[in-house]
Amino acid sequence: MFMLYIGAGGWAYFNVPGTDSLTAYSKAFDFVEVNSTFYTTPSIEMVRSWRRRVPDNFKFSVRCHKDLTHKYLLSPCRESFEILSQYLRICSELRAEILHIQTPPSFNPDQKLKDIRDLLSSVDSGTIRLSWEIRGRKGQGTVELMRDIGIIHCTDISQEMPAVDSDILYSRLFGHGENNLYQFDDAELLQIDEQVNKIRPGEAYLTFHGARMYSDAARLKVYEKSGTFPRVTKAAGLASLKTVLEEDAKFPQQGAN
């Protein structure tokens, strides 16, 4: 039996009046991907406050800052090592097991295999695993590099399966819409569930993205528990999740601290 964690890409839009968004989110889900760290680096004090606001068994994953992949292009330079060291510290504070990196569509890792190997194989990440989302081309050399170093190949399994076998599945789910304006239907969520069960990893992390990410994550969560999908609600925000999750989550009352 593998462990399945279902969540969304951040908690900023999980708005409950009078209640902290992360605290409210953690009452509905047991996992979140910290998406904001791709753009800005939080202070350690802020990171520690995130950990304090959620239950002890709540899971985080962390996106590494885009400078590593978009500015320094995974080169083994001083700046790259400093970023990785800083973000591994953030993961450690959050007790996050996954550090996600994303390379841009214009980047062809096969042309920089030696540099990438020198960088990633030189970093002592301890128990924290790297998950690599390759937005551009990838050849056999890149696949072999990920396999050799033990990197998780991150894909959207509603569109592409990982090219590297791993004991951990990490999938960022966007669907087929443009600009993240997409909602998964029941058949697509069922296909995602089937893909996870086909792989049967030790752990699986599914992080939904887009305008309806909280509702999509909640609907799949209900299906995993009950075997049936709740209806797609036209409501938004907290009202939508209350409809979908019903008794699965205890939401704070409006105005509660």
C-alpha atoms as a PDB file:
ATOM      1  CA  MET A   1       0.000   0.000   0.000  1.00  0.00           C
ATOM      2  CA  PHE A   2       1.577   3.280  -1.071  1.00  0.00           C
ATOM      3  CA  MET A   3       1.024   6.662   0.528  1.00  0.00           C
ATOM      4  CA  LEU A   4      -0.942   9.146  -1.579  1.00  0.00           C
ATOM      5  CA  TYR A   5      -0.840  12.877  -0.895  1.00  0.00           C
ATOM      6  CA  ILE A   6      -3.243  15.180  -2.746  1.00  0.00           C
ATOM      7  CA  GLY A   7      -3.034  18.946  -2.655  1.00  0.00           C
ATOM      8  CA  ALA A   8      -2.601  22.145  -4.622  1.00  0.00           C
ATOM      9  CA  GLY A   9       0.061  24.596  -5.694  1.00  0.00           C
ATOM     10  CA  GLY A  10      -0.097  27.003  -2.793  1.00  0.00           C
ATOM     11  CA  TRP A  11      -2.612  28.287  -0.285  1.00  0.00           C
ATOM     12  CA  ALA A  12      -2.709  31.994  -1.146  1.00  0.00           C
ATOM     13  CA  TYR A  13      -6.143  31.790  -2.795  1.00  0.00           C
ATOM     14  CA  PHE A  14      -7.672  29.597  -0.106  1.00  0.00           C
ATOM     15  CA  ASN A  15      -9.472  32.485   1.512  1.00  0.00           C
ATOM     16  CA  VAL A  16     -11.540  32.115   4.663  1.00  0.00           C
ATOM     17  CA  PRO A  17     -12.547  35.464   6.197  1.00  0.00           C
ATOM     18  CA  GLY A  18     -10.932  36.012   9.571  1.00  0.00           C
ATOM     19  CA  THR A  19      -8.690  32.948   9.307  1.00  0.00           C
ATOM     20  CA  ASP A  20      -5.136  32.426   8.115  1.00  0.00           C
ATOM     21  CA  SER A  21      -5.169  30.841   4.640  1.00  0.00           C
ATOM     22  CA  LEU A  22      -2.568  28.170   5.399  1.00  0.00           C
ATOM     23  CA  THR A  23      -4.266  27.126   8.639  1.00  0.00           C
ATOM     24  CA  ALA A  24      -7.602  26.870   6.837  1.00  0.00           C
ATOM     25  CA  TYR A  25      -6.048  24.965   3.929  1.00  0.00           C
ATOM     26  CA  SER A  26      -4.456  22.430   6.277  1.00  0.00           C
ATOM     27  CA  LYS A  27      -7.901  21.553   7.634  1.00  0.00           C
ATOM     28  CA  ALA A  28      -8.979  20.412   4.170  1.00  0.00           C
ATOM     29  CA  PHE A  29      -5.752  18.895   2.803  1.00  0.00           C
ATOM     30  CA  ASP A  30      -2.689  17.149   4.185  1.00  0.00           C
ATOM     31  CA  PHE A  31      -0.211  18.319   1.527  1.00  0.00           C
ATOM     32  CA  VAL A  32       0.745  21.531  -0.279  1.00  0.00           C
ATOM     33  CA  GLU A  33       3.370  22.518  -2.812  1.00  0.00           C
ATOM     34  CA  VAL A  34       4.997  25.836  -1.857  1.00  0.00           C
ATOM     35  CA  ASN A  35       4.776  27.537  -5.242  1.00  0.00           C
ATOM     36  CA  SER A  36       5.816  31.049  -4.161  1.00  0.00           C
ATOM     37  CA  THR A  37       9.425  29.994  -3.506  1.00  0.00           C
ATOM     38  CA  PHE A  38       9.958  29.714  -7.263  1.00  0.00           C
ATOM     39  CA  TYR A  39       9.745  33.529  -7.393  1.00  0.00           C
ATOM     40  CA  THR A  40      10.910  34.783  -3.994  1.00  0.00           C
ATOM     41  CA  THR A  41      12.997  33.323  -1.188  1.00  0.00           C
ATOM     42  CA  PRO A  42      11.278  33.492   2.199  1.00  0.00           C
ATOM     43  CA  SER A  43      13.100  34.161   5.438  1.00  0.00           C
ATOM     44  CA  ILE A  44      13.730  31.219   7.730  1.00  0.00           C
ATOM     45  CA  GLU A  45      11.468  32.907  10.279  1.00  0.00           C
ATOM     46  CA  MET A  46       8.637  32.909   7.750  1.00  0.00           C
ATOM     47  CA  VAL A  47       9.288  29.267   6.872  1.00  0.00           C
ATOM     48  CA  ARG A  48       9.173  28.292  10.530  1.00  0.00           C
ATOM     49  CA  SER A  49       5.867  30.122  10.918  1.00  0.00           C
ATOM     50  CA  TRP A  50       4.421  28.033   8.068  1.00  0.00           C
ATOM     51  CA  ARG A  51       5.424  24.845   9.850  1.00  0.00           C
ATOM     52  CA  ARG A  52       3.868  26.037  13.122  1.00  0.00           C
ATOM     53  CA  ARG A  53       0.508  26.779  11.470  1.00  0.00           C
ATOM     54  CA  VAL A  54      -0.189  23.234  10.280  1.00  0.00           C
ATOM     55  CA  PRO A  55      -0.668  19.840  11.943  1.00  0.00           C
ATOM     56  CA  ASP A  56       2.402  17.746  12.675  1.00  0.00           C
ATOM     57  CA  ASN A  57       1.591  15.217   9.931  1.00  0.00           C
ATOM     58  CA  PHE A  58       1.028  17.885   7.252  1.00  0.00           C
ATOM     59  CA  LYS A  59       3.326  17.557   4.198  1.00  0.00           C
ATOM     60  CA  PHE A  60       5.104  20.335   2.299  1.00  0.00           C
ATOM     61  CA  SER A  61       7.062  20.229  -0.920  1.00  0.00           C
ATOM     62  CA  VAL A  62       9.166  23.193  -2.042  1.00  0.00           C
ATOM     63  CA  ARG A  63       9.829  24.714  -5.455  1.00  0.00           C
ATOM     64  CA  CYS A  64      13.420  25.848  -5.877  1.00  0.00           C
ATOM     65  CA  HIS A  65      14.006  29.448  -6.968  1.00  0.00           C
ATOM     66  CA  LYS A  66      13.975  29.966 -10.728  1.00  0.00           C
ATOM     67  CA  ASP A  67      17.429  31.593 -10.672  1.00  0.00           C
ATOM     68  CA  LEU A  68      18.924  28.121 -10.338  1.00  0.00           C
ATOM     69  CA  THR A  69      17.321  26.896 -13.554  1.00  0.00           C
ATOM     70  CA  HIS A  70      16.545  30.023 -15.591  1.00  0.00           C
ATOM     71  CA  LYS A  71      19.529  32.263 -14.766  1.00  0.00           C
ATOM     72  CA  TYR A  72      22.366  29.905 -13.860  1.00  0.00           C
ATOM     73  CA  LEU A  73      21.000  27.026 -15.971  1.00  0.00           C
ATOM     74  CA  LEU A  74      22.045  24.348 -13.468  1.00  0.00           C
ATOM     75  CA  SER A  75      25.708  25.285 -13.876  1.00  0.00           C
ATOM     76  CA  PRO A  76      28.046  24.190 -11.052  1.00  0.00           C
ATOM     77  CA  CYS A  77      28.842  27.762 -10.041  1.00  0.00           C
ATOM     78  CA  ARG A  78      28.978  29.293  -6.570  1.00  0.00           C
ATOM     79  CA  GLU A  79      25.540  30.879  -6.933  1.00  0.00           C
ATOM     80  CA  SER A  80      23.922  27.551  -7.832  1.00  0.00           C
ATOM     81  CA  PHE A  81      25.400  25.815  -4.795  1.00  0.00           C
ATOM     82  CA  GLU A  82      24.268  28.679  -2.559  1.00  0.00           C
ATOM     83  CA  ILE A  83      20.687  28.473  -3.872  1.00  0.00           C
ATOM     84  CA  LEU A  84      20.553  24.718  -3.407  1.00  0.00           C
ATOM     85  CA  SER A  85      21.980  24.976   0.089  1.00  0.00           C
ATOM     86  CA  GLN A  86      19.457  27.654   1.026  1.00  0.00           C
ATOM     87  CA  TYR A  87      16.507  25.708  -0.343  1.00  0.00           C
ATOM     88  CA  LEU A  88      17.559  22.456   1.247  1.00  0.00           C
ATOM     89  CA  ARG A  89      17.565  24.396   4.525  1.00  0.00           C
ATOM     90  CA  ILE A  90      14.017  25.545   3.802  1.00  0.00           C
ATOM     91  CA  CYS A  91      12.985  21.948   3.100  1.00  0.00           C
ATOM     92  CA  SER A  92      14.578  20.838   6.343  1.00  0.00           C
ATOM     93  CA  GLU A  93      12.706  23.478   8.360  1.00  0.00           C
ATOM     94  CA  LEU A  94       9.409  22.422   6.764  1.00  0.00           C
ATOM     95  CA  ARG A  95      10.250  18.703   7.005  1.00  0.00           C
ATOM     96  CA  ALA A  96       9.616  18.617   3.244  1.00  0.00           C
ATOM     97  CA  GLU A  97      10.829  15.504   1.433  1.00  0.00           C
ATOM     98  CA  ILE A  98      10.717  16.961  -2.095  1.00  0.00           C
ATOM     99  CA  LEU A  99      12.633  19.888  -3.630  1.00  0.00           C
ATOM    100  CA  HIS A 100      11.209  20.622  -7.070  1.00  0.00           C
ATOM    101  CA  ILE A 101      13.247  22.181  -9.877  1.00  0.00           C
ATOM    102  CA  GLN A 102      11.826  23.301 -13.223  1.00  0.00           C
ATOM    103  CA  THR A 103      13.842  24.056 -16.339  1.00  0.00           C
ATOM    104  CA  PRO A 104      12.379  26.299 -19.079  1.00  0.00           C
ATOM    105  CA  PRO A 105      11.241  25.178 -22.565  1.00  0.00           C
ATOM    106  CA  SER A 106      14.280  26.853 -24.149  1.00  0.00           C
ATOM    107  CA  PHE A 107      16.737  24.773 -22.112  1.00  0.00           C
ATOM    108  CA  ASN A 108      18.086  21.514 -23.543  1.00  0.00           C
ATOM    109  CA  PRO A 109      19.705  19.597 -20.653  1.00  0.00           C
ATOM    110  CA  ASP A 110      21.373  17.132 -23.038  1.00  0.00           C
ATOM    111  CA  GLN A 111      23.704  19.952 -24.072  1.00  0.00           C
ATOM    112  CA  LYS A 112      24.880  20.487 -20.468  1.00  0.00           C
ATOM    113  CA  LEU A 113      24.943  17.000 -19.028  1.00  0.00           C
ATOM    114  CA  LYS A 114      28.415  17.249 -17.488  1.00  0.00           C
ATOM    115  CA  ASP A 115      27.637  20.568 -15.764  1.00  0.00           C
ATOM    116  CA  ILE A 116      24.308  19.314 -14.456  1.00  0.00           C
ATOM    117  CA  ARG A 117      25.829  16.074 -13.192  1.00  0.00           C
ATOM    118  CA  ASP A 118      28.666  17.977 -11.506  1.00  0.00           C
ATOM    119  CA  LEU A 119      26.175  20.219  -9.728  1.00  0.00           C
ATOM    120  CA  LEU A 120      23.511  17.762  -8.664  1.00  0.00           C
ATOM    121  CA  SER A 121      25.818  14.889  -7.753  1.00  0.00           C
ATOM    122  CA  SER A 122      27.908  17.205  -5.540  1.00  0.00           C
ATOM    123  CA  VAL A 123      25.020  18.292  -3.328  1.00  0.00           C
ATOM    124  CA  ASP A 124      24.377  16.389  -0.108  1.00  0.00           C
ATOM    125  CA  SER A 125      20.591  16.531   0.081  1.00  0.00           C
ATOM    126  CA  GLY A 126      20.271  13.959   2.847  1.00  0.00           C
ATOM    127  CA  THR A 127      16.765  12.495   2.835  1.00  0.00           C
ATOM    128  CA  ILE A 128      15.408  15.279   0.588  1.00  0.00           C
ATOM    129  CA  ARG A 129      14.753  14.161  -2.974  1.00  0.00           C
ATOM    130  CA  LEU A 130      15.055  16.306  -6.096  1.00  0.00           C
ATOM    131  CA  SER A 131      12.125  16.303  -8.504  1.00  0.00           C
ATOM    132  CA  TRP A 132      12.909  17.682 -11.968  1.00  0.00           C
ATOM    133  CA  GLU A 133      10.235  19.078 -14.280  1.00  0.00           C
ATOM    134  CA  ILE A 134      11.699  19.447 -17.782  1.00  0.00           C
ATOM    135  CA  ARG A 135       9.599  21.874 -19.812  1.00  0.00           C
ATOM    136  CA  GLY A 136      11.762  21.504 -22.945  1.00  0.00           C
ATOM    137  CA  ARG A 137      13.422  18.612 -24.748  1.00  0.00           C
ATOM    138  CA  LYS A 138      14.996  15.685 -22.965  1.00  0.00           C
ATOM    139  CA  GLY A 139      17.098  12.987 -24.523  1.00  0.00           C
ATOM    140  CA  GLN A 140      18.371   9.638 -23.358  1.00  0.00           C
ATOM    141  CA  GLY A 141      21.382  11.276 -21.725  1.00  0.00           C
ATOM    142  CA  THR A 142      19.124  13.317 -19.438  1.00  0.00           C
ATOM    143  CA  VAL A 143      17.038  10.268 -18.587  1.00  0.00           C
ATOM    144  CA  GLU A 144      20.163   8.304 -17.676  1.00  0.00           C
ATOM    145  CA  LEU A 145      21.442  11.192 -15.554  1.00  0.00           C
ATOM    146  CA  MET A 146      18.203  11.299 -13.552  1.00  0.00           C
ATOM    147  CA  ARG A 147      18.300   7.549 -13.110  1.00  0.00           C
ATOM    148  CA  ASP A 148      21.955   7.559 -12.008  1.00  0.00           C
ATOM    149  CA  ILE A 149      21.512  10.310  -9.409  1.00  0.00           C
ATOM    150  CA  GLY A 150      18.072   9.193  -8.213  1.00  0.00           C
ATOM    151  CA  ILE A 151      16.178  12.257  -9.400  1.00  0.00           C
ATOM    152  CA  ILE A 152      12.388  12.017  -9.631  1.00  0.00           C
ATOM    153  CA  HIS A 153      11.067  12.889 -13.090  1.00  0.00           C
ATOM    154  CA  CYS A 154       8.157  15.269 -12.521  1.00  0.00           C
ATOM    155  CA  THR A 155       5.437  15.277 -15.179  1.00  0.00           C
ATOM    156  CA  ASP A 156       1.750  16.034 -15.485  1.00  0.00           C
ATOM    157  CA  ILE A 157       0.555  12.418 -15.531  1.00  0.00           C
ATOM    158  CA  SER A 158      -2.699  13.483 -17.160  1.00  0.00           C
ATOM    159  CA  GLN A 159      -0.509  14.147 -20.223  1.00  0.00           C
ATOM    160  CA  GLU A 160       2.849  12.370 -19.830  1.00  0.00           C
ATOM    161  CA  MET A 161       4.192   9.529 -17.727  1.00  0.00           C
ATOM    162  CA  PRO A 162       7.606   9.779 -16.034  1.00  0.00           C
ATOM    163  CA  ALA A 163      10.533   8.560 -18.120  1.00  0.00           C
ATOM    164  CA  VAL A 164      12.382   7.322 -15.026  1.00  0.00           C
ATOM    165  CA  ASP A 165      11.149   4.668 -12.607  1.00  0.00           C
ATOM    166  CA  SER A 166      11.202   5.840  -9.000  1.00  0.00           C
ATOM    167  CA  ASP A 167       9.918   4.882  -5.583  1.00  0.00           C
ATOM    168  CA  ILE A 168       8.294   8.342  -5.453  1.00  0.00           C
ATOM    169  CA  LEU A 169       5.838   9.836  -7.935  1.00  0.00           C
ATOM    170  CA  TYR A 170       5.618  13.621  -8.054  1.00  0.00           C
ATOM    171  CA  SER A 171       3.107  15.064 -10.495  1.00  0.00           C
ATOM    172  CA  ARG A 172       2.061  18.677 -11.149  1.00  0.00           C
ATOM    173  CA  LEU A 173      -1.385  18.593 -12.740  1.00  0.00           C
ATOM    174  CA  PHE A 174      -2.444  21.364 -15.126  1.00  0.00           C
ATOM    175  CA  GLY A 175      -4.752  19.618 -17.608  1.00  0.00           C
ATOM    176  CA  HIS A 176      -5.234  20.685 -21.201  1.00  0.00           C
ATOM    177  CA  GLY A 177      -6.424  24.272 -20.844  1.00  0.00           C
ATOM    178  CA  GLU A 178      -4.558  27.493 -21.559  1.00  0.00           C
ATOM    179  CA  ASN A 179      -3.268  29.850 -18.848  1.00  0.00           C
ATOM    180  CA  ASN A 180      -4.253  27.318 -16.166  1.00  0.00           C
ATOM    181  CA  LEU A 181      -7.948  27.946 -16.869  1.00  0.00           C
ATOM    182  CA  TYR A 182      -8.969  24.329 -16.631  1.00  0.00           C
ATOM    183  CA  GLN A 183     -11.072  22.006 -14.534  1.00  0.00           C
ATOM    184  CA  PHE A 184     -10.663  18.240 -14.661  1.00  0.00           C
ATOM    185  CA  ASP A 185     -13.767  16.194 -15.318  1.00  0.00           C
ATOM    186  CA  ASP A 186     -14.510  12.897 -13.546  1.00  0.00           C
ATOM    187  CA  ALA A 187     -13.094  10.776 -16.378  1.00  0.00           C
ATOM    188  CA  GLU A 188      -9.800  12.654 -16.274  1.00  0.00           C
ATOM    189  CA  LEU A 189      -9.517  12.352 -12.502  1.00  0.00           C
ATOM    190  CA  LEU A 190     -10.241   8.630 -12.813  1.00  0.00           C
ATOM    191  CA  GLN A 191      -7.470   8.346 -15.406  1.00  0.00           C
ATOM    192  CA  ILE A 192      -5.059  10.087 -13.015  1.00  0.00           C
ATOM    193  CA  ASP A 193      -6.007   7.606 -10.295  1.00  0.00           C
ATOM    194  CA  GLU A 194      -5.442   4.709 -12.713  1.00  0.00           C
ATOM    195  CA  GLN A 195      -2.038   6.049 -13.737  1.00  0.00           C
ATOM    196  CA  VAL A 196      -0.937   6.296 -10.107  1.00  0.00           C
ATOM    197  CA  ASN A 197      -2.072   2.751  -9.423  1.00  0.00           C
ATOM    198  CA  LYS A 198      -0.290   1.530 -12.544  1.00  0.00           C
ATOM    199  CA  ILE A 199       3.010   2.920 -11.251  1.00  0.00           C
ATOM    200  CA  ARG A 200       2.414   1.848  -7.610  1.00  0.00           C
ATOM    201  CA  PRO A 201       5.216   3.941  -6.074  1.00  0.00           C
ATOM    202  CA  GLY A 202       6.074   3.986  -2.395  1.00  0.00           C
ATOM    203  CA  GLU A 203       4.735   7.536  -2.187  1.00  0.00           C
ATOM    204  CA  ALA A 204       2.749   9.643  -4.644  1.00  0.00           C
ATOM    205  CA  TYR A 205       2.332  13.415  -4.524  1.00  0.00           C
ATOM    206  CA  LEU A 206      -0.352  14.988  -6.719  1.00  0.00           C
ATOM    207  CA  THR A 207      -0.403  18.770  -6.814  1.00  0.00           C
ATOM    208  CA  PHE A 208      -3.197  20.458  -8.754  1.00  0.00           C
ATOM    209  CA  HIS A 209      -2.810  23.830 -10.440  1.00  0.00           C
ATOM    210  CA  GLY A 210      -5.193  26.209 -12.116  1.00  0.00           C
ATOM    211  CA  ALA A 211      -8.348  28.156 -11.442  1.00  0.00           C
ATOM    212  CA  ARG A 212     -10.164  25.165  -9.885  1.00  0.00           C
ATOM    213  CA  MET A 213      -7.204  23.482  -8.236  1.00  0.00           C
ATOM    214  CA  TYR A 214      -8.749  23.275  -4.758  1.00  0.00           C
ATOM    215  CA  SER A 215     -11.989  21.799  -6.064  1.00  0.00           C
ATOM    216  CA  ASP A 216     -10.160  19.325  -8.340  1.00  0.00           C
ATOM    217  CA  ALA A 217      -7.916  18.175  -5.495  1.00  0.00           C
ATOM    218  CA  ALA A 218     -10.890  17.839  -3.157  1.00  0.00           C
ATOM    219  CA  ARG A 219     -12.911  15.808  -5.663  1.00  0.00           C
ATOM    220  CA  LEU A 220     -10.062  13.342  -6.163  1.00  0.00           C
ATOM    221  CA  LYS A 221      -9.554  13.153  -2.410  1.00  0.00           C
ATOM    222  CA  VAL A 222     -13.229  12.241  -1.925  1.00  0.00           C
ATOM    223  CA  TYR A 223     -12.990   9.614  -4.692  1.00  0.00           C
ATOM    224  CA  GLU A 224      -9.952   7.993  -3.060  1.00  0.00           C
ATOM    225  CA  LYS A 225     -11.918   7.675   0.181  1.00  0.00           C
ATOM    226  CA  SER A 226     -15.392   6.777  -1.091  1.00  0.00           C
ATOM    227  CA  GLY A 227     -14.963   5.382  -4.614  1.00  0.00           C
ATOM    228  CA  THR A 228     -17.359   7.964  -6.053  1.00  0.00           C
ATOM    229  CA  PHE A 229     -16.913  11.484  -7.351  1.00  0.00           C
ATOM    230  CA  PRO A 230     -18.884  14.374  -5.842  1.00  0.00           C
ATOM    231  CA  ARG A 231     -20.602  16.670  -8.273  1.00  0.00           C
ATOM    232  CA  VAL A 232     -18.724  19.542  -9.864  1.00  0.00           C
ATOM    233  CA  THR A 233     -20.029  22.581  -8.045  1.00  0.00           C
ATOM    234  CA  LYS A 234     -20.491  26.015  -9.568  1.00  0.00           C
ATOM    235  CA  ALA A 235     -19.580  27.613  -6.264  1.00  0.00           C
ATOM    236  CA  ALA A 236     -16.153  29.103  -5.680  1.00  0.00           C
ATOM    237  CA  GLY A 237     -13.673  29.188  -2.822  1.00  0.00           C
ATOM    238  CA  LEU A 238     -14.717  27.845   0.564  1.00  0.00           C
ATOM    239  CA  ALA A 239     -18.326  27.280  -0.516  1.00  0.00           C
ATOM    240  CA  SER A 240     -17.095  24.985  -3.277  1.00  0.00           C
ATOM    241  CA  LEU A 241     -14.931  22.942  -0.930  1.00  0.00           C
ATOM    242  CA  LYS A 242     -17.653  22.605   1.689  1.00  0.00           C
ATOM    243  CA  THR A 243     -19.905  21.182  -1.002  1.00  0.00           C
ATOM    244  CA  VAL A 244     -17.278  18.781  -2.317  1.00  0.00           C
ATOM    245  CA  LEU A 245     -15.670  17.595   0.903  1.00  0.00           C
ATOM    246  CA  GLU A 246     -18.804  17.486   3.031  1.00  0.00           C
ATOM    247  CA  GLU A 247     -17.755  15.765   6.279  1.00  0.00           C
ATOM    248  CA  ASP A 248     -14.138  15.147   5.244  1.00  0.00           C
ATOM    249  CA  ALA A 249     -12.858  18.497   6.459  1.00  0.00           C
ATOM    250  CA  LYS A 250     -13.575  20.663   9.460  1.00  0.00           C
ATOM    251  CA  PHE A 251     -13.470  24.253   8.323  1.00  0.00           C
ATOM    252  CA  PRO A 252     -13.037  27.127  10.758  1.00  0.00           C
ATOM    253  CA  GLN A 253     -16.068  29.327  11.199  1.00  0.00           C
ATOM    254  CA  GLN A 254     -15.922  32.780   9.717  1.00  0.00           C
ATOM    255  CA  GLY A 255     -14.393  35.232  12.153  1.00  0.00           C
ATOM    256  CA  ALA A 256     -12.681  32.498  14.198  1.00  0.00           C
ATOM    257  CA  ASN A 257      -9.013  32.935  15.080  1.00  0.00           C
END
